[in-house]
Amino acid sequence: MRSAAFAAALKLVRTILGFSVLALGVLMIVLPGPAVVVIPIGLAILASEYAWARRYLNKFKEGGEKLGSIFFRKKEQPPTPPRSE
C-alpha cells in the first residue's frame, strides 16, 4: 500500500511534468515543432490526475476525428450496373 506522502509526491511529479510538456507544446504553436503531438501528450499526463484535463483531451480527440473524417473521407463510388449474362 502506498503511503499518503508517496501519493502526493507522485501527483506533484505528474502535475509538473504534464504542465511542462503542455507548455512546451503551446510554445511549439509559434516555434517550429510538432505542437499537435506534444499538446495531447501533456494533456494525457495531466488527465491521469485532473478531470478538466481529461475533458480537454477528449475535445482534442473529437476534433482530430472530425478532421480525419474530412481529410480521409472515402469518395463514394457510383453504383455498378448489374451484369447481364
PDB file of N, CA and C in Angstrom:
ATOM      1  N   MET A   1       0.837  -1.173   0.000  1.00  0.00           N
ATOM      2  CA  MET A   1       0.000   0.000   0.000  1.00  0.00           C
ATOM      3  C   MET A   1       0.887   1.243   0.000  1.00  0.00           C
ATOM      4  N   ARG A   2       0.530   2.206  -0.837  1.00  0.00           N
ATOM      5  CA  ARG A   2       1.312   3.433  -0.926  1.00  0.00           C
ATOM      6  C   ARG A   2       0.980   4.348   0.237  1.00  0.00           C
ATOM      7  N   SER A   3       1.984   5.040   0.680  1.00  0.00           N
ATOM      8  CA  SER A   3       1.752   5.996   1.754  1.00  0.00           C
ATOM      9  C   SER A   3       1.164   7.271   1.163  1.00  0.00           C
ATOM     10  N   ALA A   4       0.575   8.095   1.997  1.00  0.00           N
ATOM     11  CA  ALA A   4      -0.024   9.354   1.547  1.00  0.00           C
ATOM     12  C   ALA A   4       1.044  10.298   1.001  1.00  0.00           C
ATOM     13  N   ALA A   5       2.223  10.276   1.594  1.00  0.00           N
ATOM     14  CA  ALA A   5       3.306  11.147   1.127  1.00  0.00           C
ATOM     15  C   ALA A   5       3.772  10.740  -0.267  1.00  0.00           C
ATOM     16  N   PHE A   6       3.846   9.430  -0.518  1.00  0.00           N
ATOM     17  CA  PHE A   6       4.255   8.949  -1.830  1.00  0.00           C
ATOM     18  C   PHE A   6       3.218   9.329  -2.880  1.00  0.00           C
ATOM     19  N   ALA A   7       1.936   9.174  -2.558  1.00  0.00           N
ATOM     20  CA  ALA A   7       0.865   9.519  -3.488  1.00  0.00           C
ATOM     21  C   ALA A   7       0.882  11.016  -3.802  1.00  0.00           C
ATOM     22  N   ALA A   8       1.121  11.838  -2.790  1.00  0.00           N
ATOM     23  CA  ALA A   8       1.179  13.286  -3.000  1.00  0.00           C
ATOM     24  C   ALA A   8       2.392  13.659  -3.850  1.00  0.00           C
ATOM     25  N   ALA A   9       3.519  13.003  -3.607  1.00  0.00           N
ATOM     26  CA  ALA A   9       4.724  13.280  -4.393  1.00  0.00           C
ATOM     27  C   ALA A   9       4.529  12.857  -5.847  1.00  0.00           C
ATOM     28  N   LEU A  10       3.870  11.712  -6.057  1.00  0.00           N
ATOM     29  CA  LEU A  10       3.603  11.241  -7.409  1.00  0.00           C
ATOM     30  C   LEU A  10       2.676  12.201  -8.147  1.00  0.00           C
ATOM     31  N   LYS A  11       1.659  12.700  -7.461  1.00  0.00           N
ATOM     32  CA  LYS A  11       0.755  13.669  -8.067  1.00  0.00           C
ATOM     33  C   LYS A  11       1.511  14.948  -8.439  1.00  0.00           C
ATOM     34  N   LEU A  12       2.395  15.392  -7.578  1.00  0.00           N
ATOM     35  CA  LEU A  12       3.185  16.593  -7.844  1.00  0.00           C
ATOM     36  C   LEU A  12       4.089  16.400  -9.060  1.00  0.00           C
ATOM     37  N   VAL A  13       4.726  15.250  -9.157  1.00  0.00           N
ATOM     38  CA  VAL A  13       5.614  14.963 -10.291  1.00  0.00           C
ATOM     39  C   VAL A  13       4.815  14.929 -11.592  1.00  0.00           C
ATOM     40  N   ARG A  14       3.654  14.255 -11.572  1.00  0.00           N
ATOM     41  CA  ARG A  14       2.818  14.199 -12.773  1.00  0.00           C
ATOM     42  C   ARG A  14       2.326  15.584 -13.165  1.00  0.00           C
ATOM     43  N   THR A  15       1.983  16.399 -12.189  1.00  0.00           N
ATOM     44  CA  THR A  15       1.498  17.746 -12.464  1.00  0.00           C
ATOM     45  C   THR A  15       2.587  18.606 -13.085  1.00  0.00           C
ATOM     46  N   ILE A  16       3.763  18.577 -12.500  1.00  0.00           N
ATOM     47  CA  ILE A  16       4.879  19.374 -13.026  1.00  0.00           C
ATOM     48  C   ILE A  16       5.262  18.894 -14.423  1.00  0.00           C
ATOM     49  N   LEU A  17       5.363  17.584 -14.611  1.00  0.00           N
ATOM     50  CA  LEU A  17       5.718  17.036 -15.912  1.00  0.00           C
ATOM     51  C   LEU A  17       4.643  17.357 -16.949  1.00  0.00           C
ATOM     52  N   GLY A  18       3.386  17.194 -16.586  1.00  0.00           N
ATOM     53  CA  GLY A  18       2.294  17.459 -17.518  1.00  0.00           C
ATOM     54  C   GLY A  18       2.241  18.912 -17.942  1.00  0.00           C
ATOM     55  N   PHE A  19       2.349  19.834 -16.980  1.00  0.00           N
ATOM     56  CA  PHE A  19       2.331  21.254 -17.340  1.00  0.00           C
ATOM     57  C   PHE A  19       3.569  21.646 -18.136  1.00  0.00           C
ATOM     58  N   SER A  20       4.708  21.031 -17.857  1.00  0.00           N
ATOM     59  CA  SER A  20       5.922  21.333 -18.620  1.00  0.00           C
ATOM     60  C   SER A  20       5.769  20.905 -20.077  1.00  0.00           C
ATOM     61  N   VAL A  21       5.262  19.701 -20.290  1.00  0.00           N
ATOM     62  CA  VAL A  21       5.073  19.205 -21.652  1.00  0.00           C
ATOM     63  C   VAL A  21       3.998  20.029 -22.361  1.00  0.00           C
ATOM     64  N   LEU A  22       2.930  20.372 -21.644  1.00  0.00           N
ATOM     65  CA  LEU A  22       1.867  21.190 -22.229  1.00  0.00           C
ATOM     66  C   LEU A  22       2.390  22.571 -22.617  1.00  0.00           C
ATOM     67  N   ALA A  23       3.188  23.180 -21.757  1.00  0.00           N
ATOM     68  CA  ALA A  23       3.763  24.499 -22.062  1.00  0.00           C
ATOM     69  C   ALA A  23       4.702  24.417 -23.266  1.00  0.00           C
ATOM     70  N   LEU A  24       5.467  23.358 -23.349  1.00  0.00           N
ATOM     71  CA  LEU A  24       6.344  23.159 -24.499  1.00  0.00           C
ATOM     72  C   LEU A  24       5.519  23.037 -25.779  1.00  0.00           C
ATOM     73  N   GLY A  25       4.409  22.315 -25.703  1.00  0.00           N
ATOM     74  CA  GLY A  25       3.539  22.179 -26.864  1.00  0.00           C
ATOM     75  C   GLY A  25       2.919  23.501 -27.277  1.00  0.00           C
ATOM     76  N   VAL A  26       2.517  24.316 -26.304  1.00  0.00           N
ATOM     77  CA  VAL A  26       1.945  25.624 -26.616  1.00  0.00           C
ATOM     78  C   VAL A  26       3.009  26.516 -27.252  1.00  0.00           C
ATOM     79  N   LEU A  27       4.230  26.443 -26.781  1.00  0.00           N
ATOM     80  CA  LEU A  27       5.311  27.201 -27.410  1.00  0.00           C
ATOM     81  C   LEU A  27       5.555  26.753 -28.843  1.00  0.00           C
ATOM     82  N   MET A  28       5.341  25.473 -29.096  1.00  0.00           N
ATOM     83  CA  MET A  28       5.565  24.945 -30.435  1.00  0.00           C
ATOM     84  C   MET A  28       4.513  25.411 -31.429  1.00  0.00           C
ATOM     85  N   ILE A  29       3.460  26.051 -30.946  1.00  0.00           N
ATOM     86  CA  ILE A  29       2.490  26.619 -31.875  1.00  0.00           C
ATOM     87  C   ILE A  29       3.149  27.731 -32.682  1.00  0.00           C
ATOM     88  N   VAL A  30       3.983  28.537 -32.023  1.00  0.00           N
ATOM     89  CA  VAL A  30       4.654  29.637 -32.721  1.00  0.00           C
ATOM     90  C   VAL A  30       6.096  29.300 -33.095  1.00  0.00           C
ATOM     91  N   LEU A  31       6.689  28.339 -32.430  1.00  0.00           N
ATOM     92  CA  LEU A  31       8.045  27.895 -32.755  1.00  0.00           C
ATOM     93  C   LEU A  31       7.965  26.618 -33.584  1.00  0.00           C
ATOM     94  N   PRO A  32       9.029  26.268 -34.273  1.00  0.00           N
ATOM     95  CA  PRO A  32       8.973  25.028 -35.048  1.00  0.00           C
ATOM     96  C   PRO A  32       8.909  23.809 -34.127  1.00  0.00           C
ATOM     97  N   GLY A  33       8.008  22.927 -34.466  1.00  0.00           N
ATOM     98  CA  GLY A  33       7.870  21.713 -33.682  1.00  0.00           C
ATOM     99  C   GLY A  33       6.485  21.129 -33.831  1.00  0.00           C
ATOM    100  N   PRO A  34       6.323  19.881 -33.427  1.00  0.00           N
ATOM    101  CA  PRO A  34       5.043  19.185 -33.591  1.00  0.00           C
ATOM    102  C   PRO A  34       4.071  19.469 -32.438  1.00  0.00           C
ATOM    103  N   ALA A  35       3.498  20.665 -32.420  1.00  0.00           N
ATOM    104  CA  ALA A  35       2.602  21.058 -31.327  1.00  0.00           C
ATOM    105  C   ALA A  35       1.392  20.142 -31.229  1.00  0.00           C
ATOM    106  N   VAL A  36       0.859  19.687 -32.369  1.00  0.00           N
ATOM    107  CA  VAL A  36      -0.339  18.851 -32.341  1.00  0.00           C
ATOM    108  C   VAL A  36      -0.054  17.457 -31.784  1.00  0.00           C
ATOM    109  N   VAL A  37       1.195  17.127 -31.615  1.00  0.00           N
ATOM    110  CA  VAL A  37       1.565  15.852 -30.984  1.00  0.00           C
ATOM    111  C   VAL A  37       1.894  16.070 -29.507  1.00  0.00           C
ATOM    112  N   VAL A  38       2.596  17.143 -29.204  1.00  0.00           N
ATOM    113  CA  VAL A  38       3.086  17.380 -27.846  1.00  0.00           C
ATOM    114  C   VAL A  38       1.957  17.826 -26.905  1.00  0.00           C
ATOM    115  N   ILE A  39       1.042  18.665 -27.385  1.00  0.00           N
ATOM    116  CA  ILE A  39      -0.039  19.143 -26.528  1.00  0.00           C
ATOM    117  C   ILE A  39      -0.898  17.982 -26.007  1.00  0.00           C
ATOM    118  N   PRO A  40      -1.344  17.035 -26.862  1.00  0.00           N
ATOM    119  CA  PRO A  40      -2.112  15.914 -26.314  1.00  0.00           C
ATOM    120  C   PRO A  40      -1.318  15.039 -25.345  1.00  0.00           C
ATOM    121  N   ILE A  41      -0.015  14.955 -25.531  1.00  0.00           N
ATOM    122  CA  ILE A  41       0.795  14.177 -24.585  1.00  0.00           C
ATOM    123  C   ILE A  41       0.774  14.847 -23.213  1.00  0.00           C
ATOM    124  N   GLY A  42       0.936  16.164 -23.191  1.00  0.00           N
ATOM    125  CA  GLY A  42       0.858  16.895 -21.926  1.00  0.00           C
ATOM    126  C   GLY A  42      -0.504  16.753 -21.289  1.00  0.00           C
ATOM    127  N   LEU A  43      -1.567  16.842 -22.095  1.00  0.00           N
ATOM    128  CA  LEU A  43      -2.915  16.671 -21.563  1.00  0.00           C
ATOM    129  C   LEU A  43      -3.131  15.250 -21.045  1.00  0.00           C
ATOM    130  N   ALA A  44      -2.565  14.266 -21.714  1.00  0.00           N
ATOM    131  CA  ALA A  44      -2.717  12.882 -21.254  1.00  0.00           C
ATOM    132  C   ALA A  44      -2.032  12.667 -19.913  1.00  0.00           C
ATOM    133  N   ILE A  45      -0.888  13.284 -19.724  1.00  0.00           N
ATOM    134  CA  ILE A  45      -0.201  13.169 -18.432  1.00  0.00           C
ATOM    135  C   ILE A  45      -1.050  13.825 -17.346  1.00  0.00           C
ATOM    136  N   LEU A  46      -1.577  15.014 -17.641  1.00  0.00           N
ATOM    137  CA  LEU A  46      -2.410  15.708 -16.658  1.00  0.00           C
ATOM    138  C   LEU A  46      -3.746  15.011 -16.445  1.00  0.00           C
ATOM    139  N   ALA A  47      -4.257  14.329 -17.466  1.00  0.00           N
ATOM    140  CA  ALA A  47      -5.554  13.652 -17.354  1.00  0.00           C
ATOM    141  C   ALA A  47      -5.520  12.499 -16.362  1.00  0.00           C
ATOM    142  N   SER A  48      -4.339  12.011 -16.055  1.00  0.00           N
ATOM    143  CA  SER A  48      -4.253  10.944 -15.054  1.00  0.00           C
ATOM    144  C   SER A  48      -4.541  11.463 -13.647  1.00  0.00           C
ATOM    145  N   GLU A  49      -4.532  12.784 -13.482  1.00  0.00           N
ATOM    146  CA  GLU A  49      -4.775  13.383 -12.171  1.00  0.00           C
ATOM    147  C   GLU A  49      -5.969  14.329 -12.128  1.00  0.00           C
ATOM    148  N   TYR A  50      -6.296  14.962 -13.267  1.00  0.00           N
ATOM    149  CA  TYR A  50      -7.288  16.034 -13.251  1.00  0.00           C
ATOM    150  C   TYR A  50      -8.394  15.777 -14.270  1.00  0.00           C
ATOM    151  N   ALA A  51      -9.643  15.997 -13.844  1.00  0.00           N
ATOM    152  CA  ALA A  51     -10.797  15.788 -14.718  1.00  0.00           C
ATOM    153  C   ALA A  51     -10.853  16.841 -15.821  1.00  0.00           C
ATOM    154  N   TRP A  52     -10.453  18.073 -15.531  1.00  0.00           N
ATOM    155  CA  TRP A  52     -10.511  19.121 -16.553  1.00  0.00           C
ATOM    156  C   TRP A  52      -9.594  18.789 -17.716  1.00  0.00           C
ATOM    157  N   ALA A  53      -8.436  18.195 -17.421  1.00  0.00           N
ATOM    158  CA  ALA A  53      -7.503  17.817 -18.487  1.00  0.00           C
ATOM    159  C   ALA A  53      -8.088  16.676 -19.312  1.00  0.00           C
ATOM    160  N   ARG A  54      -8.822  15.765 -18.659  1.00  0.00           N
ATOM    161  CA  ARG A  54      -9.478  14.671 -19.357  1.00  0.00           C
ATOM    162  C   ARG A  54     -10.518  15.212 -20.349  1.00  0.00           C
ATOM    163  N   ARG A  55     -11.268  16.232 -19.927  1.00  0.00           N
ATOM    164  CA  ARG A  55     -12.266  16.836 -20.810  1.00  0.00           C
ATOM    165  C   ARG A  55     -11.597  17.484 -22.023  1.00  0.00           C
ATOM    166  N   TYR A  56     -10.526  18.245 -21.789  1.00  0.00           N
ATOM    167  CA  TYR A  56      -9.816  18.873 -22.913  1.00  0.00           C
ATOM    168  C   TYR A  56      -9.200  17.836 -23.842  1.00  0.00           C
ATOM    169  N   LEU A  57      -8.690  16.763 -23.291  1.00  0.00           N
ATOM    170  CA  LEU A  57      -8.110  15.702 -24.112  1.00  0.00           C
ATOM    171  C   LEU A  57      -9.193  15.061 -24.972  1.00  0.00           C
ATOM    172  N   ASN A  58     -10.373  14.847 -24.408  1.00  0.00           N
ATOM    173  CA  ASN A  58     -11.474  14.278 -25.190  1.00  0.00           C
ATOM    174  C   ASN A  58     -11.917  15.230 -26.292  1.00  0.00           C
ATOM    175  N   LYS A  59     -11.941  16.540 -26.006  1.00  0.00           N
ATOM    176  CA  LYS A  59     -12.279  17.524 -27.047  1.00  0.00           C
ATOM    177  C   LYS A  59     -11.230  17.507 -28.153  1.00  0.00           C
ATOM    178  N   PHE A  60      -9.981  17.381 -27.775  1.00  0.00           N
ATOM    179  CA  PHE A  60      -8.896  17.319 -28.759  1.00  0.00           C
ATOM    180  C   PHE A  60      -9.059  16.082 -29.639  1.00  0.00           C
ATOM    181  N   LYS A  61      -9.406  14.947 -29.021  1.00  0.00           N
ATOM    182  CA  LYS A  61      -9.610  13.714 -29.777  1.00  0.00           C
ATOM    183  C   LYS A  61     -10.786  13.850 -30.741  1.00  0.00           C
ATOM    184  N   GLU A  62     -11.889  14.448 -30.258  1.00  0.00           N
ATOM    185  CA  GLU A  62     -13.060  14.629 -31.120  1.00  0.00           C
ATOM    186  C   GLU A  62     -12.725  15.525 -32.307  1.00  0.00           C
ATOM    187  N   GLY A  63     -11.966  16.584 -32.068  1.00  0.00           N
ATOM    188  CA  GLY A  63     -11.556  17.460 -33.159  1.00  0.00           C
ATOM    189  C   GLY A  63     -10.686  16.733 -34.169  1.00  0.00           C
ATOM    190  N   GLY A  64      -9.798  15.892 -33.671  1.00  0.00           N
ATOM    191  CA  GLY A  64      -8.950  15.104 -34.564  1.00  0.00           C
ATOM    192  C   GLY A  64      -9.751  14.116 -35.393  1.00  0.00           C
ATOM    193  N   GLU A  65     -10.769  13.519 -34.780  1.00  0.00           N
ATOM    194  CA  GLU A  65     -11.616  12.588 -35.521  1.00  0.00           C
ATOM    195  C   GLU A  65     -12.399  13.319 -36.605  1.00  0.00           C
ATOM    196  N   LYS A  66     -12.887  14.531 -36.290  1.00  0.00           N
ATOM    197  CA  LYS A  66     -13.613  15.313 -37.296  1.00  0.00           C
ATOM    198  C   LYS A  66     -12.702  15.674 -38.460  1.00  0.00           C
ATOM    199  N   LEU A  67     -11.484  16.132 -38.142  1.00  0.00           N
ATOM    200  CA  LEU A  67     -10.533  16.462 -39.209  1.00  0.00           C
ATOM    201  C   LEU A  67     -10.175  15.235 -40.036  1.00  0.00           C
ATOM    202  N   GLY A  68     -10.000  14.108 -39.364  1.00  0.00           N
ATOM    203  CA  GLY A  68      -9.689  12.875 -40.077  1.00  0.00           C
ATOM    204  C   GLY A  68     -10.802  12.460 -41.010  1.00  0.00           C
ATOM    205  N   SER A  69     -12.047  12.625 -40.570  1.00  0.00           N
ATOM    206  CA  SER A  69     -13.160  12.248 -41.441  1.00  0.00           C
ATOM    207  C   SER A  69     -13.277  13.202 -42.621  1.00  0.00           C
ATOM    208  N   ILE A  70     -12.876  14.460 -42.443  1.00  0.00           N
ATOM    209  CA  ILE A  70     -12.924  15.414 -43.555  1.00  0.00           C
ATOM    210  C   ILE A  70     -11.814  15.112 -44.562  1.00  0.00           C
ATOM    211  N   PHE A  71     -10.599  14.936 -44.079  1.00  0.00           N
ATOM    212  CA  PHE A  71      -9.463  14.764 -44.980  1.00  0.00           C
ATOM    213  C   PHE A  71      -9.340  13.362 -45.553  1.00  0.00           C
ATOM    214  N   PHE A  72      -9.783  12.377 -44.814  1.00  0.00           N
ATOM    215  CA  PHE A  72      -9.600  10.999 -45.256  1.00  0.00           C
ATOM    216  C   PHE A  72     -10.920  10.323 -45.587  1.00  0.00           C
ATOM    217  N   ARG A  73     -11.901  11.129 -45.969  1.00  0.00           N
ATOM    218  CA  ARG A  73     -13.211  10.591 -46.327  1.00  0.00           C
ATOM    219  C   ARG A  73     -13.073   9.791 -47.618  1.00  0.00           C
ATOM    220  N   LYS A  74     -13.667   8.623 -47.621  1.00  0.00           N
ATOM    221  CA  LYS A  74     -13.643   7.812 -48.834  1.00  0.00           C
ATOM    222  C   LYS A  74     -14.663   8.376 -49.806  1.00  0.00           C
ATOM    223  N   LYS A  75     -14.241   8.506 -51.030  1.00  0.00           N
ATOM    224  CA  LYS A  75     -15.146   9.002 -52.056  1.00  0.00           C
ATOM    225  C   LYS A  75     -16.165   7.917 -52.372  1.00  0.00           C
ATOM    226  N   GLU A  76     -17.393   8.360 -52.502  1.00  0.00           N
ATOM    227  CA  GLU A  76     -18.446   7.395 -52.807  1.00  0.00           C
ATOM    228  C   GLU A  76     -18.315   6.930 -54.243  1.00  0.00           C
ATOM    229  N   GLN A  77     -18.405   5.642 -54.418  1.00  0.00           N
ATOM    230  CA  GLN A  77     -18.328   5.049 -55.754  1.00  0.00           C
ATOM    231  C   GLN A  77     -19.731   5.017 -56.333  1.00  0.00           C
ATOM    232  N   PRO A  78     -19.856   5.331 -57.607  1.00  0.00           N
ATOM    233  CA  PRO A  78     -21.174   5.203 -58.219  1.00  0.00           C
ATOM    234  C   PRO A  78     -21.585   3.736 -58.251  1.00  0.00           C
ATOM    235  N   PRO A  79     -22.863   3.468 -58.102  1.00  0.00           N
ATOM    236  CA  PRO A  79     -23.287   2.054 -58.102  1.00  0.00           C
ATOM    237  C   PRO A  79     -22.961   1.390 -59.449  1.00  0.00           C
ATOM    238  N   THR A  80     -22.505   0.177 -59.383  1.00  0.00           N
ATOM    239  CA  THR A  80     -22.169  -0.537 -60.608  1.00  0.00           C
ATOM    240  C   THR A  80     -23.439  -1.175 -61.152  1.00  0.00           C
ATOM    241  N   PRO A  81     -23.628  -1.099 -62.463  1.00  0.00           N
ATOM    242  CA  PRO A  81     -24.827  -1.709 -63.036  1.00  0.00           C
ATOM    243  C   PRO A  81     -24.721  -3.224 -62.963  1.00  0.00           C
ATOM    244  N   PRO A  82     -25.860  -3.885 -62.820  1.00  0.00           N
ATOM    245  CA  PRO A  82     -25.804  -5.356 -62.749  1.00  0.00           C
ATOM    246  C   PRO A  82     -25.322  -5.943 -64.078  1.00  0.00           C
ATOM    247  N   ARG A  83     -24.618  -7.018 -63.985  1.00  0.00           N
ATOM    248  CA  ARG A  83     -24.076  -7.683 -65.185  1.00  0.00           C
ATOM    249  C   ARG A  83     -25.192  -8.516 -65.846  1.00  0.00           C
ATOM    250  N   SER A  84     -25.225  -8.417 -67.115  1.00  0.00           N
ATOM    251  CA  SER A  84     -26.189  -9.271 -67.848  1.00  0.00           C
ATOM    252  C   SER A  84     -25.405 -10.386 -68.536  1.00  0.00           C
ATOM    253  N   GLU A  85     -25.829 -11.559 -68.292  1.00  0.00           N
ATOM    254  CA  GLU A  85     -25.116 -12.708 -68.856  1.00  0.00           C
ATOM    255  C   GLU A  85     -25.966 -13.461 -69.814  1.00  0.00           C
TER     256      GLU A  85
END
